[in-house]
Amino acid sequence: MSDAARALGYPDLDADERTTLTQFLDLYRRRVIERFSALSDAEARATSLPATKLTPGGVVKHLAHMEDHWFTARIGSRDLPEPWASAPFDGRPDWDFESAVDDTAEQITSLYQEACERSRGVVASVSSLDAKASDPSFGRGPVTLRWALVHMLEETACHVGHLELLTDPFANHRDDA
């Protein structure tokens, strides 16, 4: 990474495909943590927008689930760790979003950071972006590591936007104090 890019925390401008994908995903993972780690437990559980039941904690817990779903389980062909292994997704498909109200911001942050570390480990252990998951997805076929990286980049960037909307009222309130 160039010194200028490193100073900005921005991905290299001339890296290979794998490095580019992982650096951008890590950039958005950092943005999740930066936005979320500034919140109190009450703010992490708050529904600040009237049009949605989303909470900042729910968004980050969902991202942790998606990290483990796509990288640990799909690409890594490993069992899902807790809390996902015993989560009641069959009866409550939004459990990851909803159950976050029972967690502290610190617990959710740790859950997300641990999931990201597992994901990085899986990505590092797979030699090719063309490597395929052992199980099919969407009833069509197995995804590749490339697909999982792009999808998680999309998912994480989208949810960073949600976090910005959900936490902006708190940021403005703190600025006025």
N, C-alpha and C. Protein backbone atom coordinates (compact mmCIF):
# COMPACT_ATOMS: atom_id res chain seq x y z
N MET A 1 0.85 -1.18 0.00
CA MET A 1 0.00 0.00 0.00
C MET A 1 0.89 1.23 0.00
N SER A 2 0.54 2.22 -0.78
CA SER A 2 1.33 3.45 -0.83
C SER A 2 1.18 4.22 0.47
N ASP A 3 2.16 5.08 0.76
CA ASP A 3 2.11 5.88 1.99
C ASP A 3 0.90 6.80 2.00
N ALA A 4 0.58 7.41 0.87
CA ALA A 4 -0.58 8.32 0.80
C ALA A 4 -1.88 7.57 1.03
N ALA A 5 -2.02 6.42 0.39
CA ALA A 5 -3.24 5.62 0.58
C ALA A 5 -3.34 5.13 2.01
N ARG A 6 -2.22 4.70 2.58
CA ARG A 6 -2.21 4.22 3.96
C ARG A 6 -2.61 5.35 4.90
N ALA A 7 -2.12 6.55 4.66
CA ALA A 7 -2.45 7.70 5.51
C ALA A 7 -3.95 8.00 5.48
N LEU A 8 -4.57 7.80 4.33
CA LEU A 8 -6.01 8.02 4.21
C LEU A 8 -6.82 6.81 4.66
N GLY A 9 -6.16 5.67 4.86
CA GLY A 9 -6.88 4.45 5.17
C GLY A 9 -7.63 3.92 3.96
N TYR A 10 -7.18 4.32 2.78
CA TYR A 10 -7.87 3.96 1.55
C TYR A 10 -7.11 2.85 0.84
N PRO A 11 -7.81 1.95 0.16
CA PRO A 11 -7.14 0.85 -0.55
C PRO A 11 -6.15 1.33 -1.61
N ASP A 12 -5.19 0.44 -1.88
CA ASP A 12 -4.22 0.72 -2.93
C ASP A 12 -4.91 1.01 -4.26
N LEU A 13 -4.28 1.81 -5.06
CA LEU A 13 -4.84 2.17 -6.36
C LEU A 13 -4.41 1.22 -7.47
N ASP A 14 -3.42 0.37 -7.21
CA ASP A 14 -2.89 -0.48 -8.27
C ASP A 14 -2.67 -1.92 -7.83
N ALA A 15 -3.47 -2.39 -6.88
CA ALA A 15 -3.31 -3.75 -6.37
C ALA A 15 -3.99 -4.78 -7.27
N ASP A 16 -3.66 -6.03 -7.06
CA ASP A 16 -4.33 -7.11 -7.78
C ASP A 16 -5.78 -7.23 -7.29
N GLU A 17 -6.55 -8.03 -8.00
CA GLU A 17 -7.99 -8.14 -7.72
C GLU A 17 -8.29 -8.57 -6.29
N ARG A 18 -7.63 -9.61 -5.80
CA ARG A 18 -7.88 -10.12 -4.46
C ARG A 18 -7.57 -9.06 -3.41
N THR A 19 -6.42 -8.41 -3.55
CA THR A 19 -6.04 -7.36 -2.60
C THR A 19 -7.03 -6.21 -2.64
N THR A 20 -7.43 -5.81 -3.82
CA THR A 20 -8.40 -4.72 -3.96
C THR A 20 -9.71 -5.08 -3.26
N LEU A 21 -10.22 -6.27 -3.50
CA LEU A 21 -11.48 -6.68 -2.88
C LEU A 21 -11.36 -6.73 -1.36
N THR A 22 -10.29 -7.32 -0.85
CA THR A 22 -10.16 -7.44 0.60
C THR A 22 -9.87 -6.09 1.26
N GLN A 23 -9.11 -5.23 0.59
CA GLN A 23 -8.86 -3.91 1.18
C GLN A 23 -10.14 -3.07 1.23
N PHE A 24 -10.94 -3.12 0.18
CA PHE A 24 -12.19 -2.37 0.21
C PHE A 24 -13.16 -2.94 1.25
N LEU A 25 -13.23 -4.26 1.35
CA LEU A 25 -14.10 -4.85 2.37
C LEU A 25 -13.63 -4.44 3.76
N ASP A 26 -12.33 -4.47 4.00
CA ASP A 26 -11.81 -4.04 5.30
C ASP A 26 -12.06 -2.56 5.56
N LEU A 27 -12.02 -1.74 4.52
CA LEU A 27 -12.34 -0.32 4.67
C LEU A 27 -13.76 -0.16 5.20
N TYR A 28 -14.70 -0.86 4.61
CA TYR A 28 -16.09 -0.75 5.06
C TYR A 28 -16.31 -1.42 6.41
N ARG A 29 -15.58 -2.48 6.70
CA ARG A 29 -15.66 -3.07 8.05
C ARG A 29 -15.20 -2.05 9.09
N ARG A 30 -14.12 -1.33 8.80
CA ARG A 30 -13.64 -0.28 9.73
C ARG A 30 -14.69 0.80 9.91
N ARG A 31 -15.36 1.17 8.83
CA ARG A 31 -16.40 2.20 8.93
C ARG A 31 -17.56 1.74 9.80
N VAL A 32 -17.89 0.46 9.73
CA VAL A 32 -18.92 -0.09 10.62
C VAL A 32 -18.49 0.12 12.07
N ILE A 33 -17.28 -0.30 12.39
CA ILE A 33 -16.78 -0.21 13.77
C ILE A 33 -16.67 1.25 14.21
N GLU A 34 -16.15 2.11 13.36
CA GLU A 34 -16.02 3.52 13.73
C GLU A 34 -17.38 4.13 14.06
N ARG A 35 -18.37 3.85 13.24
CA ARG A 35 -19.71 4.42 13.45
C ARG A 35 -20.36 3.80 14.68
N PHE A 36 -20.26 2.50 14.82
CA PHE A 36 -20.98 1.80 15.89
C PHE A 36 -20.31 1.96 17.24
N SER A 37 -18.98 1.97 17.28
CA SER A 37 -18.29 1.99 18.57
C SER A 37 -18.49 3.29 19.34
N ALA A 38 -18.96 4.32 18.69
CA ALA A 38 -19.22 5.60 19.37
C ALA A 38 -20.56 5.60 20.12
N LEU A 39 -21.36 4.55 19.96
CA LEU A 39 -22.70 4.53 20.53
C LEU A 39 -22.74 3.94 21.93
N SER A 40 -23.65 4.45 22.73
CA SER A 40 -23.95 3.84 24.02
C SER A 40 -24.84 2.62 23.78
N ASP A 41 -25.05 1.82 24.81
CA ASP A 41 -25.95 0.67 24.67
C ASP A 41 -27.35 1.13 24.27
N ALA A 42 -27.83 2.20 24.88
CA ALA A 42 -29.18 2.70 24.56
C ALA A 42 -29.26 3.16 23.11
N GLU A 43 -28.23 3.83 22.63
CA GLU A 43 -28.21 4.28 21.23
C GLU A 43 -28.13 3.11 20.26
N ALA A 44 -27.38 2.06 20.64
CA ALA A 44 -27.27 0.88 19.78
C ALA A 44 -28.60 0.15 19.65
N ARG A 45 -29.46 0.30 20.66
CA ARG A 45 -30.77 -0.38 20.66
C ARG A 45 -31.90 0.49 20.13
N ALA A 46 -31.63 1.75 19.89
CA ALA A 46 -32.68 2.71 19.54
C ALA A 46 -33.15 2.57 18.10
N THR A 47 -34.44 2.79 17.91
CA THR A 47 -35.00 2.92 16.57
C THR A 47 -35.20 4.41 16.36
N SER A 48 -34.31 5.01 15.60
CA SER A 48 -34.30 6.47 15.49
C SER A 48 -35.06 6.99 14.28
N LEU A 49 -35.46 6.11 13.38
CA LEU A 49 -36.20 6.54 12.20
C LEU A 49 -37.60 5.92 12.23
N PRO A 50 -38.63 6.73 12.03
CA PRO A 50 -39.99 6.20 12.16
C PRO A 50 -40.38 5.17 11.09
N ALA A 51 -39.71 5.16 9.97
CA ALA A 51 -40.10 4.27 8.87
C ALA A 51 -39.53 2.86 9.00
N THR A 52 -38.72 2.59 10.03
CA THR A 52 -38.08 1.27 10.14
C THR A 52 -37.90 0.87 11.59
N LYS A 53 -37.85 -0.42 11.81
CA LYS A 53 -37.57 -0.97 13.14
C LYS A 53 -36.08 -1.26 13.31
N LEU A 54 -35.29 -0.94 12.29
CA LEU A 54 -33.85 -1.20 12.36
C LEU A 54 -33.20 -0.44 13.51
N THR A 55 -32.28 -1.13 14.17
CA THR A 55 -31.44 -0.49 15.18
C THR A 55 -29.99 -0.60 14.72
N PRO A 56 -29.13 0.30 15.17
CA PRO A 56 -27.71 0.15 14.82
C PRO A 56 -27.15 -1.20 15.26
N GLY A 57 -27.51 -1.65 16.45
CA GLY A 57 -27.04 -2.95 16.93
C GLY A 57 -27.52 -4.08 16.06
N GLY A 58 -28.77 -4.00 15.61
CA GLY A 58 -29.31 -5.03 14.73
C GLY A 58 -28.58 -5.10 13.41
N VAL A 59 -28.23 -3.95 12.87
CA VAL A 59 -27.50 -3.91 11.60
C VAL A 59 -26.13 -4.56 11.75
N VAL A 60 -25.42 -4.25 12.82
CA VAL A 60 -24.07 -4.79 13.01
C VAL A 60 -24.13 -6.28 13.35
N LYS A 61 -25.11 -6.70 14.14
CA LYS A 61 -25.25 -8.12 14.44
C LYS A 61 -25.58 -8.90 13.16
N HIS A 62 -26.42 -8.34 12.31
CA HIS A 62 -26.73 -8.96 11.02
C HIS A 62 -25.46 -9.08 10.17
N LEU A 63 -24.65 -8.04 10.14
CA LEU A 63 -23.40 -8.11 9.38
C LEU A 63 -22.48 -9.21 9.90
N ALA A 64 -22.44 -9.37 11.22
CA ALA A 64 -21.64 -10.46 11.79
C ALA A 64 -22.17 -11.81 11.30
N HIS A 65 -23.48 -11.94 11.29
CA HIS A 65 -24.09 -13.18 10.79
C HIS A 65 -23.73 -13.42 9.33
N MET A 66 -23.81 -12.39 8.51
CA MET A 66 -23.50 -12.55 7.09
C MET A 66 -22.04 -12.88 6.85
N GLU A 67 -21.13 -12.31 7.65
CA GLU A 67 -19.70 -12.68 7.56
C GLU A 67 -19.56 -14.19 7.77
N ASP A 68 -20.16 -14.69 8.85
CA ASP A 68 -20.04 -16.12 9.14
C ASP A 68 -20.80 -16.97 8.13
N HIS A 69 -21.94 -16.50 7.67
CA HIS A 69 -22.71 -17.26 6.70
C HIS A 69 -21.92 -17.46 5.41
N TRP A 70 -21.43 -16.36 4.83
CA TRP A 70 -20.78 -16.45 3.53
C TRP A 70 -19.38 -17.00 3.59
N PHE A 71 -18.60 -16.60 4.58
CA PHE A 71 -17.21 -17.04 4.61
C PHE A 71 -17.01 -18.31 5.43
N THR A 72 -17.44 -18.33 6.67
CA THR A 72 -17.22 -19.51 7.51
C THR A 72 -17.98 -20.72 6.98
N ALA A 73 -19.29 -20.55 6.77
CA ALA A 73 -20.12 -21.70 6.38
C ALA A 73 -20.04 -22.01 4.89
N ARG A 74 -20.25 -21.02 4.04
CA ARG A 74 -20.31 -21.30 2.60
C ARG A 74 -18.93 -21.57 2.01
N ILE A 75 -18.05 -20.58 2.08
CA ILE A 75 -16.73 -20.74 1.46
C ILE A 75 -15.85 -21.68 2.29
N GLY A 76 -15.88 -21.55 3.60
CA GLY A 76 -15.03 -22.37 4.46
C GLY A 76 -15.57 -23.75 4.75
N SER A 77 -16.84 -24.01 4.42
CA SER A 77 -17.48 -25.31 4.66
C SER A 77 -17.37 -25.75 6.11
N ARG A 78 -17.47 -24.78 7.01
CA ARG A 78 -17.41 -25.07 8.45
C ARG A 78 -18.78 -24.84 9.06
N ASP A 79 -19.00 -25.41 10.23
CA ASP A 79 -20.24 -25.18 10.95
C ASP A 79 -20.30 -23.73 11.40
N LEU A 80 -21.50 -23.19 11.41
CA LEU A 80 -21.68 -21.84 11.94
C LEU A 80 -21.39 -21.83 13.43
N PRO A 81 -20.66 -20.83 13.90
CA PRO A 81 -20.43 -20.73 15.35
C PRO A 81 -21.67 -20.14 16.04
N GLU A 82 -21.64 -20.15 17.34
CA GLU A 82 -22.69 -19.46 18.10
C GLU A 82 -22.49 -17.96 17.94
N PRO A 83 -23.54 -17.19 17.97
CA PRO A 83 -24.91 -17.57 18.32
C PRO A 83 -25.73 -18.10 17.15
N TRP A 84 -25.13 -18.18 15.96
CA TRP A 84 -25.89 -18.54 14.76
C TRP A 84 -26.30 -20.00 14.76
N ALA A 85 -25.46 -20.88 15.29
CA ALA A 85 -25.74 -22.32 15.24
C ALA A 85 -27.05 -22.67 15.92
N SER A 86 -27.38 -21.98 17.00
CA SER A 86 -28.61 -22.30 17.73
C SER A 86 -29.69 -21.22 17.58
N ALA A 87 -29.46 -20.26 16.72
CA ALA A 87 -30.44 -19.19 16.52
C ALA A 87 -31.71 -19.75 15.87
N PRO A 88 -32.86 -19.22 16.26
CA PRO A 88 -34.15 -19.73 15.75
C PRO A 88 -34.55 -19.10 14.41
N PHE A 89 -33.66 -19.16 13.43
CA PHE A 89 -33.94 -18.52 12.13
C PHE A 89 -35.16 -19.10 11.42
N ASP A 90 -35.44 -20.39 11.62
CA ASP A 90 -36.60 -20.99 10.95
C ASP A 90 -37.90 -20.30 11.34
N GLY A 91 -38.05 -19.99 12.60
CA GLY A 91 -39.26 -19.31 13.07
C GLY A 91 -39.15 -17.80 13.11
N ARG A 92 -37.92 -17.32 13.16
CA ARG A 92 -37.67 -15.87 13.24
C ARG A 92 -36.55 -15.51 12.27
N PRO A 93 -36.87 -15.35 10.99
CA PRO A 93 -35.81 -15.10 9.99
C PRO A 93 -35.02 -13.81 10.23
N ASP A 94 -35.57 -12.87 10.98
CA ASP A 94 -34.86 -11.62 11.28
C ASP A 94 -34.26 -11.63 12.68
N TRP A 95 -34.03 -12.83 13.21
CA TRP A 95 -33.51 -12.94 14.58
C TRP A 95 -32.24 -12.14 14.79
N ASP A 96 -31.34 -12.14 13.82
CA ASP A 96 -30.08 -11.42 13.99
C ASP A 96 -30.33 -9.93 14.21
N PHE A 97 -31.26 -9.36 13.46
CA PHE A 97 -31.63 -7.95 13.65
C PHE A 97 -32.34 -7.74 14.99
N GLU A 98 -33.33 -8.57 15.26
CA GLU A 98 -34.22 -8.36 16.42
C GLU A 98 -33.55 -8.64 17.76
N SER A 99 -32.72 -9.66 17.83
CA SER A 99 -32.13 -10.08 19.11
C SER A 99 -31.06 -9.13 19.61
N ALA A 100 -30.63 -8.21 18.78
CA ALA A 100 -29.57 -7.28 19.19
C ALA A 100 -29.99 -6.39 20.36
N VAL A 101 -31.29 -6.23 20.58
CA VAL A 101 -31.73 -5.40 21.72
C VAL A 101 -31.37 -6.05 23.05
N ASP A 102 -31.03 -7.34 23.03
CA ASP A 102 -30.63 -8.05 24.25
C ASP A 102 -29.14 -8.00 24.49
N ASP A 103 -28.40 -7.40 23.57
CA ASP A 103 -26.93 -7.36 23.64
C ASP A 103 -26.45 -5.94 23.93
N THR A 104 -25.27 -5.86 24.52
CA THR A 104 -24.63 -4.55 24.69
C THR A 104 -23.90 -4.19 23.41
N ALA A 105 -23.59 -2.93 23.26
CA ALA A 105 -22.82 -2.49 22.10
C ALA A 105 -21.47 -3.18 22.08
N GLU A 106 -20.87 -3.37 23.23
CA GLU A 106 -19.58 -4.04 23.32
C GLU A 106 -19.69 -5.50 22.86
N GLN A 107 -20.74 -6.20 23.26
CA GLN A 107 -20.94 -7.59 22.83
C GLN A 107 -21.10 -7.68 21.31
N ILE A 108 -21.87 -6.76 20.75
CA ILE A 108 -22.09 -6.77 19.30
C ILE A 108 -20.81 -6.44 18.56
N THR A 109 -20.07 -5.47 19.07
CA THR A 109 -18.79 -5.12 18.47
C THR A 109 -17.85 -6.32 18.46
N SER A 110 -17.75 -7.02 19.58
CA SER A 110 -16.89 -8.21 19.66
C SER A 110 -17.37 -9.29 18.72
N LEU A 111 -18.68 -9.52 18.66
CA LEU A 111 -19.24 -10.52 17.77
C LEU A 111 -18.87 -10.22 16.32
N TYR A 112 -19.00 -8.96 15.94
CA TYR A 112 -18.67 -8.55 14.57
C TYR A 112 -17.18 -8.69 14.29
N GLN A 113 -16.35 -8.20 15.19
CA GLN A 113 -14.90 -8.28 14.97
C GLN A 113 -14.42 -9.72 14.90
N GLU A 114 -14.98 -10.60 15.73
CA GLU A 114 -14.60 -12.01 15.69
C GLU A 114 -15.05 -12.65 14.38
N ALA A 115 -16.25 -12.31 13.91
CA ALA A 115 -16.73 -12.85 12.64
C ALA A 115 -15.84 -12.38 11.49
N CYS A 116 -15.45 -11.12 11.52
CA CYS A 116 -14.56 -10.59 10.47
C CYS A 116 -13.21 -11.29 10.49
N GLU A 117 -12.70 -11.57 11.68
CA GLU A 117 -11.42 -12.29 11.77
C GLU A 117 -11.54 -13.70 11.21
N ARG A 118 -12.65 -14.38 11.53
CA ARG A 118 -12.86 -15.71 10.95
C ARG A 118 -12.92 -15.61 9.43
N SER A 119 -13.62 -14.60 8.94
CA SER A 119 -13.73 -14.41 7.50
C SER A 119 -12.37 -14.20 6.86
N ARG A 120 -11.56 -13.35 7.47
CA ARG A 120 -10.21 -13.11 6.94
C ARG A 120 -9.41 -14.40 6.90
N GLY A 121 -9.56 -15.23 7.94
CA GLY A 121 -8.86 -16.51 7.98
C GLY A 121 -9.29 -17.44 6.85
N VAL A 122 -10.59 -17.49 6.60
CA VAL A 122 -11.08 -18.32 5.51
C VAL A 122 -10.56 -17.80 4.18
N VAL A 123 -10.67 -16.50 3.95
CA VAL A 123 -10.20 -15.92 2.68
C VAL A 123 -8.72 -16.22 2.48
N ALA A 124 -7.93 -16.08 3.53
CA ALA A 124 -6.49 -16.34 3.42
C ALA A 124 -6.19 -17.81 3.13
N SER A 125 -7.08 -18.69 3.55
CA SER A 125 -6.84 -20.13 3.36
C SER A 125 -7.26 -20.65 1.99
N VAL A 126 -7.95 -19.83 1.23
CA VAL A 126 -8.44 -20.25 -0.09
C VAL A 126 -7.51 -19.65 -1.14
N SER A 127 -6.97 -20.50 -1.98
CA SER A 127 -5.92 -20.04 -2.90
C SER A 127 -6.42 -19.25 -4.09
N SER A 128 -7.65 -19.45 -4.51
CA SER A 128 -8.12 -18.82 -5.73
C SER A 128 -9.46 -18.12 -5.53
N LEU A 129 -9.61 -16.98 -6.16
CA LEU A 129 -10.90 -16.29 -6.15
C LEU A 129 -11.97 -17.12 -6.87
N ASP A 130 -11.56 -18.05 -7.70
CA ASP A 130 -12.48 -18.91 -8.43
C ASP A 130 -12.91 -20.14 -7.63
N ALA A 131 -12.32 -20.33 -6.45
CA ALA A 131 -12.70 -21.48 -5.62
C ALA A 131 -14.18 -21.39 -5.28
N LYS A 132 -14.85 -22.54 -5.32
CA LYS A 132 -16.30 -22.56 -5.11
C LYS A 132 -16.66 -23.14 -3.75
N ALA A 133 -17.76 -22.63 -3.22
CA ALA A 133 -18.33 -23.18 -1.99
C ALA A 133 -18.75 -24.62 -2.24
N SER A 134 -18.80 -25.41 -1.20
CA SER A 134 -19.16 -26.81 -1.38
C SER A 134 -20.67 -27.00 -1.55
N ASP A 135 -21.46 -26.06 -1.06
CA ASP A 135 -22.92 -26.17 -1.16
C ASP A 135 -23.47 -25.09 -2.07
N PRO A 136 -24.56 -25.38 -2.76
CA PRO A 136 -25.17 -24.38 -3.64
C PRO A 136 -25.87 -23.27 -2.85
N SER A 137 -26.04 -22.15 -3.50
CA SER A 137 -26.78 -21.01 -2.94
C SER A 137 -27.85 -20.60 -3.92
N PHE A 138 -28.95 -20.13 -3.40
CA PHE A 138 -30.04 -19.61 -4.23
C PHE A 138 -30.62 -20.66 -5.17
N GLY A 139 -30.40 -21.94 -4.87
CA GLY A 139 -30.92 -23.00 -5.71
C GLY A 139 -30.27 -23.08 -7.08
N ARG A 140 -29.16 -22.41 -7.26
CA ARG A 140 -28.53 -22.34 -8.59
C ARG A 140 -27.18 -23.01 -8.66
N GLY A 141 -26.43 -22.94 -7.63
CA GLY A 141 -25.09 -23.51 -7.67
C GLY A 141 -24.22 -22.85 -6.63
N PRO A 142 -23.01 -23.34 -6.46
CA PRO A 142 -22.13 -22.76 -5.45
C PRO A 142 -21.55 -21.42 -5.90
N VAL A 143 -21.38 -20.55 -4.94
CA VAL A 143 -20.76 -19.24 -5.20
C VAL A 143 -19.25 -19.41 -5.15
N THR A 144 -18.54 -18.48 -5.77
CA THR A 144 -17.08 -18.45 -5.70
C THR A 144 -16.64 -17.52 -4.58
N LEU A 145 -15.38 -17.63 -4.20
CA LEU A 145 -14.82 -16.69 -3.23
C LEU A 145 -14.95 -15.27 -3.76
N ARG A 146 -14.73 -15.07 -5.04
CA ARG A 146 -14.87 -13.73 -5.64
C ARG A 146 -16.28 -13.20 -5.39
N TRP A 147 -17.29 -14.03 -5.67
CA TRP A 147 -18.68 -13.62 -5.47
C TRP A 147 -18.93 -13.25 -4.02
N ALA A 148 -18.45 -14.09 -3.09
CA ALA A 148 -18.66 -13.83 -1.66
C ALA A 148 -18.01 -12.51 -1.24
N LEU A 149 -16.81 -12.25 -1.73
CA LEU A 149 -16.14 -10.98 -1.40
C LEU A 149 -16.91 -9.78 -1.95
N VAL A 150 -17.34 -9.87 -3.20
CA VAL A 150 -18.09 -8.76 -3.79
C VAL A 150 -19.41 -8.59 -3.07
N HIS A 151 -20.08 -9.70 -2.78
CA HIS A 151 -21.36 -9.60 -2.09
C HIS A 151 -21.20 -8.98 -0.71
N MET A 152 -20.19 -9.39 0.05
CA MET A 152 -19.99 -8.83 1.39
C MET A 152 -19.54 -7.38 1.31
N LEU A 153 -18.83 -7.02 0.28
CA LEU A 153 -18.50 -5.61 0.07
C LEU A 153 -19.78 -4.81 -0.15
N GLU A 154 -20.65 -5.32 -1.03
CA GLU A 154 -21.95 -4.67 -1.28
C GLU A 154 -22.78 -4.59 0.01
N GLU A 155 -22.90 -5.71 0.71
CA GLU A 155 -23.72 -5.77 1.93
C GLU A 155 -23.19 -4.82 3.00
N THR A 156 -21.89 -4.84 3.20
CA THR A 156 -21.30 -4.01 4.25
C THR A 156 -21.41 -2.53 3.90
N ALA A 157 -21.12 -2.17 2.67
CA ALA A 157 -21.23 -0.76 2.26
C ALA A 157 -22.67 -0.26 2.39
N CYS A 158 -23.61 -1.09 1.98
CA CYS A 158 -25.03 -0.71 2.09
C CYS A 158 -25.40 -0.47 3.55
N HIS A 159 -24.97 -1.38 4.43
CA HIS A 159 -25.32 -1.24 5.84
C HIS A 159 -24.54 -0.12 6.53
N VAL A 160 -23.38 0.25 6.01
CA VAL A 160 -22.72 1.46 6.53
C VAL A 160 -23.63 2.66 6.29
N GLY A 161 -24.24 2.72 5.11
CA GLY A 161 -25.19 3.79 4.83
C GLY A 161 -26.37 3.77 5.81
N HIS A 162 -26.87 2.57 6.11
CA HIS A 162 -27.96 2.47 7.09
C HIS A 162 -27.49 2.97 8.46
N LEU A 163 -26.27 2.57 8.84
CA LEU A 163 -25.75 3.03 10.14
C LEU A 163 -25.62 4.55 10.17
N GLU A 164 -25.20 5.14 9.07
CA GLU A 164 -25.09 6.60 9.04
C GLU A 164 -26.45 7.25 9.25
N LEU A 165 -27.48 6.72 8.61
CA LEU A 165 -28.82 7.26 8.80
C LEU A 165 -29.34 7.02 10.21
N LEU A 166 -29.12 5.82 10.73
CA LEU A 166 -29.65 5.46 12.05
C LEU A 166 -28.92 6.15 13.19
N THR A 167 -27.66 6.48 12.99
CA THR A 167 -26.88 7.07 14.08
C THR A 167 -26.70 8.58 13.94
N ASP A 168 -27.09 9.14 12.81
CA ASP A 168 -26.93 10.58 12.61
C ASP A 168 -27.63 11.41 13.69
N PRO A 169 -28.85 11.05 14.12
CA PRO A 169 -29.46 11.86 15.19
C PRO A 169 -28.63 11.90 16.46
N PHE A 170 -27.91 10.80 16.77
CA PHE A 170 -27.08 10.78 17.95
C PHE A 170 -25.85 11.65 17.76
N ALA A 171 -25.26 11.59 16.56
CA ALA A 171 -24.08 12.41 16.27
C ALA A 171 -24.42 13.89 16.37
N ASN A 172 -25.57 14.28 15.81
CA ASN A 172 -25.98 15.68 15.89
C ASN A 172 -26.24 16.12 17.31
N HIS A 173 -26.84 15.23 18.12
CA HIS A 173 -27.13 15.55 19.50
C HIS A 173 -25.82 15.77 20.27
N ARG A 174 -24.82 14.92 20.03
CA ARG A 174 -23.55 15.06 20.73
C ARG A 174 -22.84 16.36 20.31
N ASP A 175 -22.97 16.73 19.04
CA ASP A 175 -22.32 17.96 18.58
C ASP A 175 -22.92 19.21 19.23
N ASP A 176 -24.21 19.14 19.57
CA ASP A 176 -24.88 20.29 20.19
C ASP A 176 -24.56 20.42 21.68
N ALA A 177 -24.08 19.36 22.29
CA ALA A 177 -23.86 19.37 23.73
C ALA A 177 -22.65 20.15 24.12
